[in-house]
Amino acid sequence: MMKLIGKLQNGMTFTEEFDGVNDFLALQQSDYNAIADEIEVVEVKIADEVLDFKGNMGQLYYELMNK
């Protein structure tokens, strides 16, 4: 299980859940991104562990692809 909290430019936050890291990566690789790359990441939890990460969705995608 992977849970993301993102922050929009207007300051509103939202939560998205994925079956796992591979599910998130596959959706981001599709023609229709699950979440826009420029959205700020507030928090990422993978299997109930908080990932030490600061950046946007595009940077998160890159980091997870290279793990």
PDB file of N, CA and C in Angstrom:
ATOM      1  N   MET A   1       0.844  -1.180   0.000  1.00  0.00           N
ATOM      2  CA  MET A   1       0.000   0.000   0.000  1.00  0.00           C
ATOM      3  C   MET A   1       0.887   1.241   0.000  1.00  0.00           C
ATOM      4  N   MET A   2       0.506   2.204  -0.802  1.00  0.00           N
ATOM      5  CA  MET A   2       1.225   3.473  -0.873  1.00  0.00           C
ATOM      6  C   MET A   2       0.208   4.596  -0.755  1.00  0.00           C
ATOM      7  N   LYS A   3       0.482   5.542   0.126  1.00  0.00           N
ATOM      8  CA  LYS A   3      -0.420   6.669   0.351  1.00  0.00           C
ATOM      9  C   LYS A   3       0.349   7.964   0.146  1.00  0.00           C
ATOM     10  N   LEU A   4      -0.219   8.859  -0.664  1.00  0.00           N
ATOM     11  CA  LEU A   4       0.401  10.152  -0.951  1.00  0.00           C
ATOM     12  C   LEU A   4      -0.505  11.273  -0.470  1.00  0.00           C
ATOM     13  N   ILE A   5       0.092  12.283   0.104  1.00  0.00           N
ATOM     14  CA  ILE A   5      -0.622  13.525   0.383  1.00  0.00           C
ATOM     15  C   ILE A   5       0.046  14.588  -0.463  1.00  0.00           C
ATOM     16  N   GLY A   6      -0.750  15.241  -1.294  1.00  0.00           N
ATOM     17  CA  GLY A   6      -0.247  16.274  -2.184  1.00  0.00           C
ATOM     18  C   GLY A   6      -0.847  17.621  -1.838  1.00  0.00           C
ATOM     19  N   LYS A   7      -0.182  18.679  -2.295  1.00  0.00           N
ATOM     20  CA  LYS A   7      -0.651  20.040  -2.035  1.00  0.00           C
ATOM     21  C   LYS A   7      -0.757  20.780  -3.357  1.00  0.00           C
ATOM     22  N   LEU A   8      -1.952  21.289  -3.638  1.00  0.00           N
ATOM     23  CA  LEU A   8      -2.205  22.051  -4.850  1.00  0.00           C
ATOM     24  C   LEU A   8      -1.675  23.471  -4.703  1.00  0.00           C
ATOM     25  N   GLN A   9      -1.570  24.189  -5.814  1.00  0.00           N
ATOM     26  CA  GLN A   9      -1.070  25.561  -5.781  1.00  0.00           C
ATOM     27  C   GLN A   9      -1.937  26.484  -4.944  1.00  0.00           C
ATOM     28  N   ASN A  10      -3.231  26.186  -4.817  1.00  0.00           N
ATOM     29  CA  ASN A  10      -4.111  27.029  -4.017  1.00  0.00           C
ATOM     30  C   ASN A  10      -4.046  26.704  -2.525  1.00  0.00           C
ATOM     31  N   GLY A  11      -3.165  25.743  -2.139  1.00  0.00           N
ATOM     32  CA  GLY A  11      -2.969  25.400  -0.738  1.00  0.00           C
ATOM     33  C   GLY A  11      -3.785  24.219  -0.256  1.00  0.00           C
ATOM     34  N   MET A  12      -4.757  23.783  -1.036  1.00  0.00           N
ATOM     35  CA  MET A  12      -5.571  22.637  -0.637  1.00  0.00           C
ATOM     36  C   MET A  12      -4.745  21.352  -0.731  1.00  0.00           C
ATOM     37  N   THR A  13      -4.990  20.436   0.190  1.00  0.00           N
ATOM     38  CA  THR A  13      -4.305  19.147   0.169  1.00  0.00           C
ATOM     39  C   THR A  13      -5.282  18.050  -0.234  1.00  0.00           C
ATOM     40  N   PHE A  14      -4.735  16.959  -0.738  1.00  0.00           N
ATOM     41  CA  PHE A  14      -5.540  15.798  -1.117  1.00  0.00           C
ATOM     42  C   PHE A  14      -4.740  14.538  -0.834  1.00  0.00           C
ATOM     43  N   THR A  15      -5.441  13.422  -0.737  1.00  0.00           N
ATOM     44  CA  THR A  15      -4.815  12.131  -0.469  1.00  0.00           C
ATOM     45  C   THR A  15      -5.157  11.156  -1.584  1.00  0.00           C
ATOM     46  N   GLU A  16      -4.158  10.430  -2.038  1.00  0.00           N
ATOM     47  CA  GLU A  16      -4.343   9.374  -3.035  1.00  0.00           C
ATOM     48  C   GLU A  16      -3.730   8.097  -2.487  1.00  0.00           C
ATOM     49  N   GLU A  17      -4.388   6.975  -2.726  1.00  0.00           N
ATOM     50  CA  GLU A  17      -3.856   5.681  -2.309  1.00  0.00           C
ATOM     51  C   GLU A  17      -3.672   4.781  -3.521  1.00  0.00           C
ATOM     52  N   PHE A  18      -2.594   4.016  -3.489  1.00  0.00           N
ATOM     53  CA  PHE A  18      -2.258   3.084  -4.562  1.00  0.00           C
ATOM     54  C   PHE A  18      -2.005   1.718  -3.944  1.00  0.00           C
ATOM     55  N   ASP A  19      -2.158   0.661  -4.746  1.00  0.00           N
ATOM     56  CA  ASP A  19      -1.902  -0.690  -4.247  1.00  0.00           C
ATOM     57  C   ASP A  19      -0.451  -0.868  -3.824  1.00  0.00           C
ATOM     58  N   GLY A  20       0.432  -0.111  -4.410  1.00  0.00           N
ATOM     59  CA  GLY A  20       1.849  -0.182  -4.078  1.00  0.00           C
ATOM     60  C   GLY A  20       2.638   0.763  -4.955  1.00  0.00           C
ATOM     61  N   VAL A  21       3.942   0.764  -4.794  1.00  0.00           N
ATOM     62  CA  VAL A  21       4.824   1.637  -5.567  1.00  0.00           C
ATOM     63  C   VAL A  21       4.685   1.345  -7.056  1.00  0.00           C
ATOM     64  N   ASN A  22       4.657   0.068  -7.429  1.00  0.00           N
ATOM     65  CA  ASN A  22       4.562  -0.289  -8.846  1.00  0.00           C
ATOM     66  C   ASN A  22       3.270   0.227  -9.478  1.00  0.00           C
ATOM     67  N   ASP A  23       2.179   0.244  -8.721  1.00  0.00           N
ATOM     68  CA  ASP A  23       0.909   0.774  -9.211  1.00  0.00           C
ATOM     69  C   ASP A  23       1.030   2.272  -9.497  1.00  0.00           C
ATOM     70  N   PHE A  24       1.648   3.011  -8.574  1.00  0.00           N
ATOM     71  CA  PHE A  24       1.876   4.442  -8.762  1.00  0.00           C
ATOM     72  C   PHE A  24       2.740   4.696  -9.996  1.00  0.00           C
ATOM     73  N   LEU A  25       3.845   3.958 -10.108  1.00  0.00           N
ATOM     74  CA  LEU A  25       4.758   4.151 -11.236  1.00  0.00           C
ATOM     75  C   LEU A  25       4.073   3.852 -12.569  1.00  0.00           C
ATOM     76  N   ALA A  26       3.291   2.774 -12.622  1.00  0.00           N
ATOM     77  CA  ALA A  26       2.602   2.406 -13.853  1.00  0.00           C
ATOM     78  C   ALA A  26       1.588   3.473 -14.261  1.00  0.00           C
ATOM     79  N   LEU A  27       0.857   4.012 -13.298  1.00  0.00           N
ATOM     80  CA  LEU A  27      -0.120   5.056 -13.611  1.00  0.00           C
ATOM     81  C   LEU A  27       0.565   6.334 -14.079  1.00  0.00           C
ATOM     82  N   GLN A  28       1.709   6.677 -13.492  1.00  0.00           N
ATOM     83  CA  GLN A  28       2.431   7.874 -13.902  1.00  0.00           C
ATOM     84  C   GLN A  28       3.033   7.704 -15.302  1.00  0.00           C
ATOM     85  N   GLN A  29       3.324   6.474 -15.697  1.00  0.00           N
ATOM     86  CA  GLN A  29       3.894   6.211 -17.025  1.00  0.00           C
ATOM     87  C   GLN A  29       2.840   6.180 -18.115  1.00  0.00           C
ATOM     88  N   SER A  30       1.585   6.044 -17.734  1.00  0.00           N
ATOM     89  CA  SER A  30       0.517   5.952 -18.730  1.00  0.00           C
ATOM     90  C   SER A  30       0.326   7.297 -19.436  1.00  0.00           C
ATOM     91  N   ASP A  31      -0.435   7.272 -20.500  1.00  0.00           N
ATOM     92  CA  ASP A  31      -0.706   8.499 -21.257  1.00  0.00           C
ATOM     93  C   ASP A  31      -1.375   9.560 -20.395  1.00  0.00           C
ATOM     94  N   TYR A  32      -2.116   9.123 -19.384  1.00  0.00           N
ATOM     95  CA  TYR A  32      -2.799  10.035 -18.472  1.00  0.00           C
ATOM     96  C   TYR A  32      -2.156   9.893 -17.098  1.00  0.00           C
ATOM     97  N   ASN A  33      -1.327  10.858 -16.708  1.00  0.00           N
ATOM     98  CA  ASN A  33      -0.680  10.795 -15.396  1.00  0.00           C
ATOM     99  C   ASN A  33      -1.722  10.745 -14.289  1.00  0.00           C
ATOM    100  N   ALA A  34      -1.463   9.919 -13.297  1.00  0.00           N
ATOM    101  CA  ALA A  34      -2.360   9.840 -12.146  1.00  0.00           C
ATOM    102  C   ALA A  34      -2.385  11.181 -11.410  1.00  0.00           C
ATOM    103  N   ILE A  35      -1.225  11.780 -11.257  1.00  0.00           N
ATOM    104  CA  ILE A  35      -1.086  13.058 -10.561  1.00  0.00           C
ATOM    105  C   ILE A  35      -0.080  13.900 -11.348  1.00  0.00           C
ATOM    106  N   ALA A  36      -0.400  15.169 -11.545  1.00  0.00           N
ATOM    107  CA  ALA A  36       0.489  16.062 -12.303  1.00  0.00           C
ATOM    108  C   ALA A  36       1.856  16.166 -11.632  1.00  0.00           C
ATOM    109  N   ASP A  37       2.906  16.179 -12.457  1.00  0.00           N
ATOM    110  CA  ASP A  37       4.288  16.184 -11.958  1.00  0.00           C
ATOM    111  C   ASP A  37       4.622  17.383 -11.075  1.00  0.00           C
ATOM    112  N   GLU A  38       4.013  18.526 -11.325  1.00  0.00           N
ATOM    113  CA  GLU A  38       4.388  19.736 -10.595  1.00  0.00           C
ATOM    114  C   GLU A  38       3.743  19.856  -9.212  1.00  0.00           C
ATOM    115  N   ILE A  39       2.841  18.952  -8.857  1.00  0.00           N
ATOM    116  CA  ILE A  39       2.173  19.025  -7.550  1.00  0.00           C
ATOM    117  C   ILE A  39       3.156  18.672  -6.436  1.00  0.00           C
ATOM    118  N   GLU A  40       3.153  19.497  -5.386  1.00  0.00           N
ATOM    119  CA  GLU A  40       4.056  19.314  -4.243  1.00  0.00           C
ATOM    120  C   GLU A  40       3.645  18.092  -3.423  1.00  0.00           C
ATOM    121  N   VAL A  41       4.632  17.309  -3.010  1.00  0.00           N
ATOM    122  CA  VAL A  41       4.399  16.152  -2.142  1.00  0.00           C
ATOM    123  C   VAL A  41       4.517  16.613  -0.693  1.00  0.00           C
ATOM    124  N   VAL A  42       3.476  16.357   0.096  1.00  0.00           N
ATOM    125  CA  VAL A  42       3.489  16.689   1.519  1.00  0.00           C
ATOM    126  C   VAL A  42       4.003  15.498   2.323  1.00  0.00           C
ATOM    127  N   GLU A  43       3.492  14.300   1.979  1.00  0.00           N
ATOM    128  CA  GLU A  43       3.899  13.092   2.696  1.00  0.00           C
ATOM    129  C   GLU A  43       3.702  11.872   1.816  1.00  0.00           C
ATOM    130  N   VAL A  44       4.595  10.904   1.975  1.00  0.00           N
ATOM    131  CA  VAL A  44       4.500   9.623   1.272  1.00  0.00           C
ATOM    132  C   VAL A  44       4.654   8.518   2.302  1.00  0.00           C
ATOM    133  N   LYS A  45       3.701   7.592   2.319  1.00  0.00           N
ATOM    134  CA  LYS A  45       3.801   6.413   3.182  1.00  0.00           C
ATOM    135  C   LYS A  45       3.803   5.188   2.294  1.00  0.00           C
ATOM    136  N   ILE A  46       4.777   4.334   2.516  1.00  0.00           N
ATOM    137  CA  ILE A  46       4.850   3.061   1.803  1.00  0.00           C
ATOM    138  C   ILE A  46       4.856   1.973   2.865  1.00  0.00           C
ATOM    139  N   ALA A  47       3.825   1.132   2.849  1.00  0.00           N
ATOM    140  CA  ALA A  47       3.672   0.066   3.836  1.00  0.00           C
ATOM    141  C   ALA A  47       3.788   0.619   5.260  1.00  0.00           C
ATOM    142  N   ASP A  48       3.082   1.702   5.537  1.00  0.00           N
ATOM    143  CA  ASP A  48       3.014   2.359   6.856  1.00  0.00           C
ATOM    144  C   ASP A  48       4.324   3.000   7.314  1.00  0.00           C
ATOM    145  N   GLU A  49       5.321   3.100   6.440  1.00  0.00           N
ATOM    146  CA  GLU A  49       6.555   3.814   6.766  1.00  0.00           C
ATOM    147  C   GLU A  49       6.587   5.128   5.993  1.00  0.00           C
ATOM    148  N   VAL A  50       6.845   6.219   6.691  1.00  0.00           N
ATOM    149  CA  VAL A  50       6.919   7.527   6.045  1.00  0.00           C
ATOM    150  C   VAL A  50       8.264   7.645   5.331  1.00  0.00           C
ATOM    151  N   LEU A  51       8.205   7.970   4.046  1.00  0.00           N
ATOM    152  CA  LEU A  51       9.404   8.148   3.238  1.00  0.00           C
ATOM    153  C   LEU A  51       9.972   9.539   3.481  1.00  0.00           C
ATOM    154  N   ASP A  52      11.257   9.628   3.715  1.00  0.00           N
ATOM    155  CA  ASP A  52      11.917  10.923   3.901  1.00  0.00           C
ATOM    156  C   ASP A  52      12.117  11.539   2.517  1.00  0.00           C
ATOM    157  N   PHE A  53      11.157  12.377   2.110  1.00  0.00           N
ATOM    158  CA  PHE A  53      11.185  12.947   0.768  1.00  0.00           C
ATOM    159  C   PHE A  53      10.625  14.352   0.778  1.00  0.00           C
ATOM    160  N   LYS A  54      11.268  15.246   0.028  1.00  0.00           N
ATOM    161  CA  LYS A  54      10.762  16.596  -0.204  1.00  0.00           C
ATOM    162  C   LYS A  54      10.887  16.872  -1.700  1.00  0.00           C
ATOM    163  N   GLY A  55       9.818  17.380  -2.300  1.00  0.00           N
ATOM    164  CA  GLY A  55       9.838  17.683  -3.725  1.00  0.00           C
ATOM    165  C   GLY A  55       8.455  17.574  -4.321  1.00  0.00           C
ATOM    166  N   ASN A  56       8.411  17.433  -5.659  1.00  0.00           N
ATOM    167  CA  ASN A  56       7.123  17.322  -6.337  1.00  0.00           C
ATOM    168  C   ASN A  56       6.916  15.894  -6.848  1.00  0.00           C
ATOM    169  N   MET A  57       5.765  15.656  -7.462  1.00  0.00           N
ATOM    170  CA  MET A  57       5.419  14.307  -7.926  1.00  0.00           C
ATOM    171  C   MET A  57       6.397  13.792  -8.980  1.00  0.00           C
ATOM    172  N   GLY A  58       6.852  14.657  -9.856  1.00  0.00           N
ATOM    173  CA  GLY A  58       7.827  14.244 -10.863  1.00  0.00           C
ATOM    174  C   GLY A  58       9.125  13.776 -10.231  1.00  0.00           C
ATOM    175  N   GLN A  59       9.580  14.489  -9.221  1.00  0.00           N
ATOM    176  CA  GLN A  59      10.804  14.114  -8.517  1.00  0.00           C
ATOM    177  C   GLN A  59      10.609  12.815  -7.734  1.00  0.00           C
ATOM    178  N   LEU A  60       9.413  12.641  -7.159  1.00  0.00           N
ATOM    179  CA  LEU A  60       9.107  11.396  -6.444  1.00  0.00           C
ATOM    180  C   LEU A  60       9.133  10.221  -7.413  1.00  0.00           C
ATOM    181  N   TYR A  61       8.522  10.389  -8.569  1.00  0.00           N
ATOM    182  CA  TYR A  61       8.531   9.340  -9.586  1.00  0.00           C
ATOM    183  C   TYR A  61       9.968   8.952  -9.929  1.00  0.00           C
ATOM    184  N   TYR A  62      10.806   9.943 -10.184  1.00  0.00           N
ATOM    185  CA  TYR A  62      12.194   9.688 -10.539  1.00  0.00           C
ATOM    186  C   TYR A  62      12.918   8.931  -9.421  1.00  0.00           C
ATOM    187  N   GLU A  63      12.702   9.361  -8.173  1.00  0.00           N
ATOM    188  CA  GLU A  63      13.367   8.701  -7.044  1.00  0.00           C
ATOM    189  C   GLU A  63      12.923   7.251  -6.903  1.00  0.00           C
ATOM    190  N   LEU A  64      11.626   6.999  -7.026  1.00  0.00           N
ATOM    191  CA  LEU A  64      11.127   5.632  -6.880  1.00  0.00           C
ATOM    192  C   LEU A  64      11.556   4.736  -8.040  1.00  0.00           C
ATOM    193  N   MET A  65      11.688   5.300  -9.236  1.00  0.00           N
ATOM    194  CA  MET A  65      12.139   4.515 -10.393  1.00  0.00           C
ATOM    195  C   MET A  65      13.591   4.076 -10.232  1.00  0.00           C
ATOM    196  N   ASN A  66      14.371   4.851  -9.500  1.00  0.00           N
ATOM    197  CA  ASN A  66      15.802   4.581  -9.366  1.00  0.00           C
ATOM    198  C   ASN A  66      16.161   3.894  -8.052  1.00  0.00           C
ATOM    199  N   LYS A  67      15.183   3.326  -7.384  1.00  0.00           N
ATOM    200  CA  LYS A  67      15.463   2.586  -6.133  1.00  0.00           C
ATOM    201  C   LYS A  67      15.724   1.152  -6.428  1.00  0.00           C
TER     202      LYS A  67
END
